[in-house]
Protein backbone atom coordinates (compact mmCIF):
# COMPACT_ATOMS: atom_id res chain seq x y z
CA MET A 1 35.95 -36.54 5.09
CA THR A 2 33.15 -36.23 2.57
CA GLN A 3 32.72 -39.13 0.15
CA VAL A 4 31.37 -38.27 -3.29
CA THR A 5 30.39 -41.09 -5.67
CA ARG A 6 29.13 -40.06 -9.09
CA GLY A 7 29.72 -41.74 -12.40
CA ARG A 8 33.04 -43.50 -12.83
CA ALA A 9 35.31 -41.63 -10.42
CA ARG A 10 35.07 -41.98 -6.65
CA VAL A 11 36.23 -38.74 -5.05
CA ALA A 12 36.69 -37.90 -1.37
CA ASP A 13 37.15 -34.46 0.18
CA HIS A 14 39.58 -34.63 3.11
CA GLY A 15 39.24 -30.92 3.92
CA GLY A 16 41.77 -28.14 3.83
CA GLY A 17 42.17 -28.24 0.05
CA VAL A 18 43.00 -31.95 -0.12
CA ARG A 19 40.94 -34.47 -2.09
CA SER A 20 41.52 -38.01 -3.30
CA ILE A 21 40.53 -39.92 -6.43
CA GLU A 22 40.34 -43.72 -6.55
CA VAL A 23 42.27 -44.60 -9.72
CA PRO A 24 41.81 -48.30 -10.59
CA ILE A 25 44.67 -50.80 -10.89
CA PRO A 26 43.69 -53.36 -13.55
CA ASP A 27 43.56 -57.00 -12.45
CA ASN A 28 45.02 -56.32 -9.03
CA PRO A 29 43.53 -57.20 -5.61
CA LEU A 30 44.53 -53.76 -4.29
CA GLY A 31 41.77 -52.37 -6.48
CA HIS A 32 42.93 -48.78 -6.77
CA THR A 33 45.52 -46.14 -5.94
CA LEU A 34 44.41 -43.08 -4.00
CA VAL A 35 45.69 -40.13 -6.01
CA TYR A 36 45.65 -36.99 -3.84
CA VAL A 37 44.91 -33.57 -5.26
CA VAL A 38 46.38 -30.71 -3.21
CA ASP A 39 45.20 -27.18 -3.94
CA THR A 40 48.01 -24.62 -4.27
CA ASP A 41 48.22 -20.96 -5.27
CA ARG A 42 49.47 -22.09 -8.71
CA GLY A 43 46.92 -24.84 -9.33
CA PRO A 44 46.45 -28.45 -8.25
CA VAL A 45 49.41 -30.66 -7.40
CA LEU A 46 48.99 -34.44 -7.49
CA VAL A 47 50.52 -36.88 -5.05
CA ASP A 48 51.04 -39.93 -7.33
CA THR A 49 49.04 -40.54 -10.51
CA GLY A 50 47.98 -44.20 -10.82
CA TRP A 51 48.56 -47.04 -13.27
CA ASP A 52 49.14 -46.35 -16.97
CA ASP A 53 45.94 -47.83 -18.36
CA PRO A 54 43.18 -46.24 -20.47
CA ALA A 55 40.50 -46.87 -17.84
CA SER A 56 42.76 -45.47 -15.12
CA TRP A 57 43.47 -42.36 -17.17
CA ASP A 58 39.78 -41.80 -17.84
CA THR A 59 39.02 -42.17 -14.13
CA LEU A 60 41.74 -39.72 -13.12
CA ALA A 61 40.55 -37.15 -15.67
CA ASP A 62 36.93 -37.64 -14.62
CA GLY A 63 37.82 -37.26 -10.96
CA LEU A 64 39.66 -34.02 -11.59
CA ARG A 65 36.67 -32.64 -13.48
CA ARG A 66 34.36 -33.62 -10.63
CA ILE A 67 36.36 -31.56 -8.16
CA GLY A 68 36.28 -28.55 -10.49
CA THR A 69 39.59 -28.74 -12.30
CA ASP A 70 41.20 -30.53 -15.26
CA VAL A 71 44.33 -32.49 -16.12
CA ALA A 72 45.54 -29.47 -18.11
CA ASP A 73 45.47 -27.38 -14.90
CA VAL A 74 47.84 -29.63 -12.94
CA HIS A 75 50.84 -27.61 -11.73
CA GLY A 76 53.03 -30.46 -10.50
CA VAL A 77 53.22 -34.14 -9.54
CA VAL A 78 54.97 -35.39 -6.41
CA LEU A 79 55.75 -39.11 -6.66
CA THR A 80 56.09 -41.14 -3.48
CA HIS A 81 57.97 -43.88 -5.39
CA HIS A 82 58.57 -45.41 -8.80
CA HIS A 83 56.11 -48.35 -8.83
CA PRO A 84 53.73 -48.29 -11.82
CA ASP A 85 50.55 -47.97 -9.75
CA HIS A 86 51.93 -44.63 -8.49
CA HIS A 87 54.14 -43.34 -11.30
CA GLY A 88 52.45 -44.88 -14.34
CA LEU A 89 50.31 -41.96 -15.53
CA SER A 90 52.75 -39.17 -14.66
CA GLY A 91 54.05 -38.91 -18.22
CA ARG A 92 50.55 -38.45 -19.63
CA VAL A 93 49.79 -35.84 -16.97
CA ARG A 94 52.95 -33.93 -17.92
CA GLU A 95 52.10 -34.12 -21.63
CA ALA A 96 48.60 -32.77 -20.99
CA SER A 97 49.56 -30.01 -18.56
CA GLY A 98 53.27 -29.22 -18.68
CA ALA A 99 53.45 -30.12 -14.98
CA TRP A 100 56.78 -30.83 -13.30
CA LEU A 101 57.43 -34.34 -11.91
CA ALA A 102 59.37 -34.77 -8.67
CA MET A 103 60.87 -37.99 -7.25
CA HIS A 104 63.68 -38.97 -4.89
CA ALA A 105 66.99 -39.46 -6.71
CA ALA A 106 67.29 -43.13 -5.72
CA ASP A 107 64.01 -44.02 -7.42
CA THR A 108 64.73 -41.74 -10.38
CA ALA A 109 67.87 -43.82 -10.92
CA VAL A 110 65.71 -46.96 -11.04
CA VAL A 111 63.42 -45.31 -13.60
CA ARG A 112 66.39 -44.29 -15.72
CA ARG A 113 67.83 -47.82 -15.72
CA THR A 114 64.55 -49.51 -16.51
CA ARG A 115 63.80 -47.09 -19.35
CA GLU A 116 67.02 -48.26 -21.00
CA ALA A 117 66.14 -51.94 -20.60
CA GLU A 118 64.54 -54.13 -23.23
CA PRO A 119 61.89 -56.60 -21.99
CA GLY A 120 64.08 -59.59 -22.88
CA ALA A 121 67.04 -58.28 -20.88
CA TRP A 122 64.78 -57.55 -17.92
CA LEU A 123 63.44 -61.11 -17.99
CA ASP A 124 67.01 -62.44 -18.10
CA TYR A 125 67.88 -60.33 -15.09
CA LEU A 126 64.84 -61.48 -13.12
CA ALA A 127 65.56 -65.14 -13.92
CA ALA A 128 69.17 -64.75 -12.77
CA LYS A 129 68.09 -63.12 -9.52
CA LEU A 130 65.59 -65.89 -8.79
CA ALA A 131 68.10 -68.63 -9.63
CA ALA A 132 70.61 -67.04 -7.25
CA VAL A 133 68.16 -67.37 -4.33
CA GLY A 134 67.22 -70.98 -5.08
CA ALA A 135 64.17 -70.84 -7.34
CA PRO A 136 63.62 -74.25 -9.02
CA GLU A 137 63.61 -74.77 -12.77
CA SER A 138 59.82 -75.22 -12.68
CA HIS A 139 59.58 -71.57 -11.63
CA LEU A 140 62.32 -70.25 -13.91
CA GLY A 141 60.94 -72.00 -17.00
CA PRO A 142 58.09 -69.55 -17.73
CA LEU A 143 60.50 -66.61 -17.58
CA ARG A 144 62.83 -68.28 -20.05
CA GLU A 145 59.92 -69.16 -22.32
CA ALA A 146 58.73 -65.55 -22.24
CA ARG A 147 62.26 -64.44 -23.12
CA ALA A 148 62.43 -66.90 -26.03
CA ARG A 149 59.15 -65.61 -27.49
CA ARG A 150 60.67 -62.12 -27.85
CA SER A 151 57.21 -60.64 -28.17
CA GLY A 152 58.53 -57.11 -27.92
CA ARG A 153 55.80 -56.29 -25.41
CA VAL A 154 56.89 -53.54 -23.06
CA LEU A 155 56.62 -54.63 -19.44
CA PRO A 156 54.82 -52.30 -16.96
CA GLY A 157 57.15 -49.60 -15.70
CA LEU A 158 59.85 -50.01 -18.36
CA ARG A 159 58.84 -46.84 -20.17
CA ALA A 160 57.78 -44.73 -17.20
CA ALA A 161 58.35 -40.98 -17.46
CA LEU A 162 61.68 -39.66 -16.23
CA PRO A 163 61.11 -37.10 -13.43
CA ASP A 164 62.53 -33.61 -13.99
CA ARG A 165 62.85 -32.52 -10.34
CA GLU A 166 64.54 -34.13 -7.36
CA ILE A 167 62.86 -34.54 -4.00
CA VAL A 168 65.47 -33.70 -1.36
CA PRO A 169 64.75 -35.21 2.07
CA GLY A 170 63.93 -32.58 4.65
CA ASP A 171 63.15 -29.88 2.10
CA LEU A 172 59.83 -28.17 1.55
CA LEU A 173 58.41 -28.99 -1.88
CA PRO A 174 57.55 -26.17 -4.32
CA LEU A 175 53.83 -25.98 -3.56
CA PRO A 176 52.95 -22.26 -3.43
CA GLY A 177 50.84 -21.48 -0.38
CA ARG A 178 51.37 -24.90 1.25
CA ARG A 179 53.94 -26.46 3.59
CA LEU A 180 54.71 -29.96 2.31
CA ARG A 181 57.97 -31.45 3.58
CA ALA A 182 59.67 -34.55 2.16
CA ILE A 183 60.64 -37.41 4.48
CA TRP A 184 62.86 -40.15 3.03
CA THR A 185 61.38 -43.51 3.97
CA PRO A 186 63.30 -46.27 2.14
CA GLY A 187 62.29 -49.90 2.46
CA HIS A 188 59.45 -50.44 0.02
CA THR A 189 61.71 -48.87 -2.62
CA PRO A 190 65.13 -47.23 -2.17
CA GLY A 191 63.74 -43.75 -2.82
CA HIS A 192 60.29 -43.95 -1.26
CA VAL A 193 59.20 -40.70 0.38
CA CYS A 194 56.39 -39.72 2.69
CA LEU A 195 55.12 -36.15 2.54
CA HIS A 196 54.36 -34.22 5.72
CA LEU A 197 51.71 -31.54 5.25
CA GLU A 198 52.78 -29.22 8.07
CA GLU A 199 49.43 -27.49 8.46
CA ARG A 200 46.82 -27.74 11.18
CA HIS A 201 44.27 -30.46 10.52
CA PRO A 202 41.13 -28.84 9.02
CA SER A 203 38.95 -30.40 11.73
CA GLY A 204 41.13 -29.02 14.51
CA ARG A 205 42.14 -32.55 15.50
CA PRO A 206 45.28 -32.50 17.67
CA GLY A 207 48.53 -33.55 16.04
CA HIS A 208 51.24 -32.23 13.76
CA GLY A 209 49.54 -32.01 10.39
CA ARG A 210 48.89 -34.87 7.97
CA LEU A 211 51.09 -37.43 6.26
CA PHE A 212 50.81 -38.63 2.67
CA SER A 213 52.32 -42.05 3.33
CA GLY A 214 52.40 -43.67 -0.11
CA ASP A 215 52.94 -47.40 0.45
CA HIS A 216 55.12 -46.93 3.53
CA LEU A 217 52.30 -46.92 6.08
CA LEU A 218 48.95 -48.53 5.23
CA PRO A 219 46.08 -49.17 7.65
CA GLY A 220 45.56 -52.88 6.99
CA ILE A 221 48.33 -54.04 4.65
CA THR A 222 51.95 -54.84 5.46
CA PRO A 223 53.94 -53.18 2.66
CA HIS A 224 56.29 -55.35 0.63
CA ILE A 225 59.97 -54.80 1.40
CA GLY A 226 61.79 -54.30 -1.88
CA LEU A 227 65.21 -55.73 -2.71
CA TYR A 228 67.28 -52.88 -4.04
CA GLU A 229 69.44 -53.38 -7.10
CA ASP A 230 73.12 -53.83 -6.41
CA PRO A 231 74.67 -50.34 -6.87
CA ASP A 232 77.59 -51.96 -8.70
CA ALA A 233 75.21 -53.16 -11.42
CA ALA A 234 75.18 -50.46 -14.08
CA THR A 235 71.87 -51.26 -15.81
CA GLU A 236 69.33 -54.00 -16.25
CA THR A 237 70.54 -54.31 -19.85
CA ASP A 238 73.89 -55.48 -18.49
CA PRO A 239 72.83 -57.83 -15.68
CA PRO A 240 75.36 -58.34 -12.90
CA PRO A 241 77.03 -61.73 -12.51
CA SER A 242 75.66 -64.15 -9.97
CA SER A 243 78.32 -63.14 -7.46
CA ARG A 244 76.83 -59.66 -7.39
CA LEU A 245 73.26 -60.93 -7.32
CA ARG A 246 74.20 -62.89 -4.23
CA SER A 247 75.60 -59.83 -2.46
CA ASN A 248 74.23 -59.25 1.04
CA ARG A 249 75.40 -55.73 1.67
CA GLY A 250 71.93 -54.19 1.46
CA ASP A 251 69.48 -54.24 4.35
CA PRO A 252 66.14 -52.94 3.01
CA LEU A 253 64.19 -54.25 6.00
CA GLY A 254 66.55 -52.38 8.32
CA ASP A 255 65.95 -49.25 6.22
CA TYR A 256 62.20 -49.77 6.48
CA VAL A 257 62.26 -50.27 10.25
CA SER A 258 64.30 -47.10 10.75
CA SER A 259 61.95 -45.18 8.45
CA LEU A 260 58.91 -46.47 10.33
CA GLU A 261 60.32 -45.35 13.65
CA ARG A 262 61.05 -41.90 12.22
CA VAL A 263 57.51 -41.53 10.88
CA GLY A 264 56.03 -42.77 14.17
CA ARG A 265 57.72 -39.91 16.02
CA LEU A 266 56.07 -37.22 13.87
CA GLY A 267 52.82 -37.33 15.83
CA VAL A 268 50.64 -36.53 12.81
CA ALA A 269 46.89 -36.06 13.22
CA GLU A 270 46.03 -38.22 10.20
CA VAL A 271 47.65 -40.51 7.66
CA LEU A 272 46.58 -40.31 4.01
CA PRO A 273 47.86 -43.56 2.43
CA ALA A 274 47.97 -44.56 -1.23
CA HIS A 275 45.68 -47.56 -0.69
CA GLN A 276 42.69 -48.44 1.49
CA HIS A 277 41.63 -45.40 3.59
CA ALA A 278 42.79 -42.53 5.78
CA PHE A 279 43.40 -43.29 9.46
CA PRO A 280 44.33 -41.29 12.58
CA ASP A 281 46.76 -43.26 14.77
CA ALA A 282 50.09 -43.52 12.97
CA ALA A 283 52.08 -44.43 16.08
CA SER A 284 49.86 -47.42 16.84
CA ARG A 285 50.10 -48.73 13.29
CA VAL A 286 53.88 -48.31 13.36
CA ARG A 287 54.06 -50.43 16.52
CA GLU A 288 51.97 -53.15 14.85
CA LEU A 289 54.25 -53.26 11.81
CA LEU A 290 57.43 -53.33 13.90
CA ALA A 291 56.02 -56.23 15.93
CA HIS A 292 55.02 -58.04 12.73
CA HIS A 293 58.51 -57.88 11.26
CA GLU A 294 60.18 -58.93 14.50
CA SER A 295 57.84 -61.93 14.64
CA ARG A 296 58.80 -62.75 11.04
CA LEU A 297 62.49 -62.61 11.93
CA ARG A 298 61.99 -64.97 14.87
CA ASP A 299 60.09 -67.42 12.68
CA LEU A 300 62.83 -67.43 10.05
CA LEU A 301 65.51 -67.86 12.68
CA THR A 302 63.66 -70.91 13.98
CA LEU A 303 63.62 -72.38 10.46
CA LEU A 304 67.33 -71.69 9.97
CA SER A 305 68.12 -73.27 13.33
CA SER A 306 66.76 -76.56 12.04
CA GLU A 307 68.67 -76.69 8.74
CA PRO A 308 70.47 -74.44 6.24
CA LEU A 309 68.03 -72.94 3.73
CA THR A 310 67.97 -70.72 0.66
CA PRO A 311 65.65 -67.70 0.50
CA TRP A 312 63.39 -69.74 -1.79
CA ASP A 313 63.27 -72.55 0.80
CA LEU A 314 62.38 -70.01 3.47
CA ALA A 315 59.60 -68.50 1.37
CA VAL A 316 58.05 -71.92 0.79
CA ARG A 317 58.09 -72.62 4.55
CA MET A 318 56.96 -69.18 5.75
CA GLU A 319 53.36 -68.51 6.79
CA TRP A 320 51.43 -66.46 4.23
CA ASN A 321 47.78 -65.55 3.93
CA ARG A 322 47.24 -68.71 1.86
CA PRO A 323 49.08 -72.00 1.26
CA TRP A 324 52.16 -71.77 -0.97
CA ALA A 325 50.47 -73.93 -3.61
CA ASP A 326 47.71 -71.31 -3.92
CA ILE A 327 50.02 -68.30 -4.26
CA PRO A 328 50.04 -67.01 -7.88
CA TYR A 329 53.24 -67.09 -9.89
CA GLY A 330 53.98 -63.36 -9.70
CA SER A 331 53.22 -63.21 -5.99
CA ARG A 332 55.77 -65.97 -5.37
CA ASN A 333 58.45 -63.66 -6.76
CA ILE A 334 57.40 -61.03 -4.22
CA ALA A 335 57.31 -63.62 -1.43
CA VAL A 336 60.84 -64.85 -2.09
CA SER A 337 62.23 -61.31 -2.15
CA GLU A 338 60.42 -60.68 1.15
CA ALA A 339 62.11 -63.77 2.59
CA GLU A 340 65.50 -62.60 1.37
CA ALA A 341 65.00 -59.12 2.83
CA HIS A 342 64.31 -60.68 6.23
CA VAL A 343 67.27 -63.05 6.12
CA ARG A 344 69.53 -60.15 5.13
CA ARG A 345 68.30 -58.39 8.27
CA LEU A 346 69.18 -61.43 10.37
CA VAL A 347 72.68 -61.40 8.87
CA LYS A 348 73.07 -57.69 9.67
CA GLN A 349 71.99 -58.39 13.25
CA GLY A 350 74.49 -61.24 13.57
CA ARG A 351 71.73 -63.81 14.09
CA ALA A 352 72.35 -65.69 10.81
CA GLU A 353 75.09 -66.07 8.23
CA ALA A 354 75.54 -67.06 4.62
CA ILE A 355 77.39 -70.34 4.10
CA PRO A 356 80.47 -69.57 1.97
CA GLY A 357 80.72 -71.30 -1.38
CA THR A 358 77.07 -72.30 -1.67
CA HIS A 359 75.14 -71.70 -4.86
CA PRO A 360 72.36 -70.89 -4.63
CA LEU A 361 73.33 -68.99 -1.53
CA THR A 362 72.28 -70.83 1.62
CA TYR A 363 71.92 -69.48 5.15
CA ARG A 364 72.11 -70.87 8.66
CA ALA A 365 71.44 -69.56 12.16
CA VAL A 366 74.42 -68.40 14.18
């Protein structure tokens, strides 16, 4: 890989007609999203686009110019998932180039629902979800205050572009002159996909091509496991009742584990993730992540063996990379959903159960 640093955009050449551009994420410790540019016989195709922010847009445009092309030349955009640091700029890219946008149907459905939501309704929905898992009033208060202000400010991701093509798992994507196959890898989001470039590594390194892994497989970060919306809930503008919010039918951690195992069996020569850096040994990283989540499950089961707890209680007691008191407000929302995803997995495995009639819903070890 050749690293090129000139001006604003940091560009890397990964060989074989694949380059990456570091597109910044404002006010986020991740720093940037790696947007990949894949040469095709019809022009460049992007894998993800970055956050919808003026500085991010300028960096993406500058990076494309530095590798000898332009936003207007983009032929298509393949989106690994719907999160705003991946999907945010896709609408602007389409406006500037006429490019098609492709996403898995499950994440397109999330985009469609959130586009219909007003910020106030979304805040109501989030507050109801947090209350259902045991969040205290001290945490819910700021959401209710934000709702009462009715600022009209559009929250990130609520106006993301609606994709016009569907990524079908197992199919080759329409990249003329390339072999890029979609692999459905739910867990981080319901429609997350990895993209297998079924071409010999340009260095001759042994292995079955390269993998654009999005947020599914990262070299030094454990991806967040997302809680999928209840499929019975029509839209975020019509939030489901608490009985639906407390449903435990979904098992996103189980989905993620299965997806990890599937990716680990590919035997790719190199992983090209959306954050951090490229790395060679996918199977080893998969084993590390599987061990991490099993350790998490054992820790939660130990907590539930001592006393019944809500997902919020579990999150407060879990071990994070800093004390709970030091975790920022928004990150606590992510932490509690992570706790709930793990306890749902324990329920699916028959190692824990929800206590009937409790509100917020409380769990115990079996």
